[in-house]
Protein backbone atom coordinates (compact mmCIF):
# COMPACT_ATOMS: atom_id res chain seq x y z
CA MET A 1 21.68 -37.54 23.25
CA GLU A 2 20.54 -35.56 26.07
CA GLY A 3 20.04 -31.65 26.16
CA THR A 4 18.67 -29.28 28.79
CA LEU A 5 16.30 -26.71 28.13
CA ALA A 6 15.03 -24.05 30.28
CA GLY A 7 16.58 -26.24 33.36
CA VAL A 8 14.87 -29.53 32.29
CA GLU A 9 16.64 -32.58 30.85
CA VAL A 10 15.28 -33.44 27.37
CA ALA A 11 16.03 -36.38 24.87
CA VAL A 12 17.24 -34.98 21.45
CA PRO A 13 16.67 -37.14 18.90
CA GLU A 14 19.58 -38.07 16.49
CA VAL A 15 19.35 -36.41 13.16
CA SER A 16 20.73 -38.38 10.03
CA PRO A 17 22.24 -36.10 7.15
CA GLU A 18 19.00 -37.19 5.02
CA ASP A 19 16.53 -35.76 7.81
CA LEU A 20 18.39 -32.65 7.61
CA VAL A 21 17.88 -32.18 3.83
CA TYR A 22 14.04 -33.08 4.33
CA LEU A 23 13.88 -30.65 7.35
CA GLU A 24 15.55 -27.79 5.08
CA LYS A 25 13.23 -28.69 2.29
CA VAL A 26 10.31 -28.20 4.52
CA ARG A 27 11.72 -24.88 5.51
CA LEU A 28 12.03 -23.60 2.26
CA ALA A 29 8.43 -24.98 1.19
CA THR A 30 7.12 -23.43 4.19
CA LYS A 31 8.82 -19.95 3.58
CA ARG A 32 7.96 -20.06 -0.13
CA LEU A 33 4.41 -20.73 0.67
CA SER A 34 3.74 -18.68 3.56
CA TYR A 35 1.71 -15.43 3.41
CA LYS A 36 3.57 -12.18 4.96
CA ALA A 37 1.28 -9.64 5.82
CA PRO A 38 2.08 -5.92 4.39
CA ALA A 39 1.87 -3.02 6.41
CA PRO A 40 -1.76 -1.39 5.61
CA ASP A 41 -0.23 1.89 3.46
CA ASP A 42 2.78 -0.05 1.86
CA LEU A 43 1.60 -0.73 -1.68
CA ALA A 44 5.10 -2.11 -2.90
CA SER A 45 5.24 -4.78 0.03
CA ALA A 46 1.51 -5.83 -0.84
CA LEU A 47 2.69 -6.20 -4.44
CA GLN A 48 5.57 -8.36 -3.72
CA SER A 49 3.31 -10.62 -1.24
CA VAL A 50 1.05 -11.14 -4.13
CA ARG A 51 4.38 -11.90 -6.39
CA ASP A 52 5.44 -14.26 -3.79
CA VAL A 53 2.24 -16.43 -3.81
CA SER A 54 1.42 -16.22 -7.56
CA GLN A 55 3.17 -19.33 -8.84
CA PHE A 56 1.53 -22.60 -8.69
CA ASP A 57 3.97 -25.71 -8.09
CA ILE A 58 2.77 -29.26 -9.16
CA ASP A 59 5.85 -31.11 -7.85
CA VAL A 60 4.33 -32.47 -4.89
CA PRO A 61 6.70 -34.22 -2.09
CA THR A 62 6.34 -38.22 -2.26
CA GLN A 63 8.89 -38.66 0.30
CA ALA A 64 7.82 -40.76 3.22
CA HIS A 65 9.23 -42.69 6.18
CA ARG A 66 7.78 -46.37 5.06
CA ARG A 67 8.65 -47.19 1.52
CA GLU A 68 5.17 -48.53 0.81
CA VAL A 69 3.69 -45.04 1.32
CA GLU A 70 6.41 -43.28 -0.87
CA VAL A 71 5.62 -45.73 -3.78
CA LEU A 72 1.76 -44.80 -3.45
CA LYS A 73 2.56 -41.15 -3.52
CA THR A 74 4.80 -41.41 -6.22
CA GLY A 75 1.86 -43.36 -8.46
CA VAL A 76 -0.59 -41.11 -7.83
CA LYS A 77 1.94 -38.05 -8.67
CA ARG A 78 2.32 -39.66 -11.81
CA LEU A 79 -0.95 -40.38 -12.41
CA LEU A 80 -2.24 -36.81 -12.07
CA THR A 81 0.65 -34.82 -13.39
CA TRP A 82 -0.60 -34.24 -16.60
CA TYR A 83 -3.87 -32.80 -15.03
CA MET A 84 -2.21 -30.69 -12.30
CA ARG A 85 -0.10 -29.16 -15.19
CA TYR A 86 -2.95 -28.21 -17.08
CA LEU A 87 -4.61 -26.56 -14.23
CA ALA A 88 -1.37 -24.99 -13.22
CA VAL A 89 -0.56 -23.21 -16.13
CA GLN A 90 -4.03 -21.78 -16.51
CA LEU A 91 -3.56 -20.44 -12.69
CA ASN A 92 0.01 -19.06 -13.37
CA ASN A 93 -1.19 -17.07 -16.38
CA PHE A 94 -4.17 -15.87 -14.52
CA SER A 95 -1.67 -14.78 -11.43
CA ALA A 96 0.64 -13.32 -13.89
CA ALA A 97 -2.00 -11.14 -15.36
CA THR A 98 -3.43 -10.35 -12.16
CA THR A 99 -0.08 -9.09 -10.77
CA HIS A 100 0.26 -7.16 -13.71
CA VAL A 101 -3.05 -5.19 -13.28
CA ALA A 102 -1.78 -4.61 -9.63
CA GLU A 103 1.40 -3.34 -10.74
CA VAL A 104 0.01 -0.73 -13.02
CA LEU A 105 -2.36 -0.07 -10.06
CA VAL A 106 0.41 0.57 -7.70
CA SER A 107 2.39 2.81 -10.43
CA ARG A 108 -0.70 5.09 -11.15
CA THR A 109 -1.57 5.39 -7.28
CA GLU A 110 1.77 6.57 -6.79
CA ARG A 111 2.14 8.84 -9.34
CA LEU A 112 -1.42 10.28 -8.36
CA GLU A 113 -0.10 10.70 -4.67
CA ARG A 114 2.94 12.42 -6.09
CA GLY A 115 0.67 14.99 -8.21
CA SER A 116 -1.68 15.58 -5.37
CA GLY A 117 1.59 16.90 -3.11
CA ASP A 118 2.17 19.15 -6.07
CA LEU A 119 -1.01 20.48 -6.35
CA GLU A 120 -1.36 20.88 -2.75
CA ALA A 121 1.89 23.07 -3.06
CA ARG A 122 0.08 25.04 -5.81
CA LEU A 123 -3.15 25.48 -3.90
CA GLY A 124 -1.10 26.87 -1.07
CA ALA A 125 0.59 29.09 -3.12
CA LEU A 126 -2.70 30.58 -4.60
CA GLU A 127 -4.45 31.18 -1.51
CA GLU A 128 -1.74 32.85 -0.03
CA ARG A 129 -1.56 35.18 -3.39
CA VAL A 130 -5.37 35.62 -2.79
CA ARG A 131 -4.95 36.51 0.97
CA ARG A 132 -2.47 39.22 -0.21
CA LEU A 133 -4.54 40.55 -3.05
CA GLU A 134 -7.96 40.59 -0.62
CA ASP A 135 -5.39 42.45 2.00
CA ALA A 136 -4.07 44.77 -0.50
CA ALA A 137 -7.94 45.71 -1.85
CA GLY A 138 -8.79 46.16 1.96
CA ARG A 139 -6.20 48.45 2.08
CA ALA A 140 -7.43 50.51 -0.68
CA ARG A 141 -10.84 50.58 0.24
CA GLY A 142 -9.70 52.06 3.66
CA VAL A 143 -7.69 54.92 1.88
CA GLY A 144 -10.65 56.05 0.11
CA GLY A 145 -11.95 54.26 -3.09
CA PRO A 146 -13.44 50.98 -4.04
CA PRO A 147 -10.91 48.20 -4.63
CA PRO A 148 -9.89 47.91 -8.35
CA GLY A 149 -12.74 46.38 -10.57
CA GLU A 150 -15.64 47.36 -8.22
CA LYS A 151 -18.03 50.26 -9.22
CA SER A 152 -18.57 52.79 -6.68
CA ALA A 153 -22.11 53.24 -4.77
CA PRO A 154 -24.43 54.87 -6.87
CA ARG A 155 -25.63 58.34 -5.55
CA LYS A 156 -28.96 58.99 -4.27
CA ALA A 157 -31.24 61.55 -6.43
CA GLY A 158 -30.65 64.99 -4.85
CA ALA A 159 -27.85 64.03 -2.39
CA GLY A 160 -25.11 66.48 -2.33
CA ARG A 161 -27.03 69.66 -3.59
């Protein structure tokens, strides 16, 4: 089969239905095993990335183009499956616990971020109130007396006589 790519003639190989099935399995495995880097401040995406790669699969592919290689791969897989399953269970439990810790940390961080926004608003309101009180105290001082809560300056002995 012939084709053209960017104006250049290329030979396109014939692809059988079995090859297409194999290619789709490879695409799915690649997608499943690939790491997707989240945005630096996106905790939810970072946590999802951890979830995406937190399961260990022991079902290794045994397909090969040569029959003797496929038989060898199948034999090795059968010999090691019990051991790999033992390790995979431990790793899956560990990754589940680690993911749970990450979920708790993300939840607390988001709650603290929401709370800090509320605190910033309350602080702004308090700063405005203090500013208004200081302005009122300054006006009261200018009119003739000390602001409320302050004592007047002590008189010097003999002054005003």
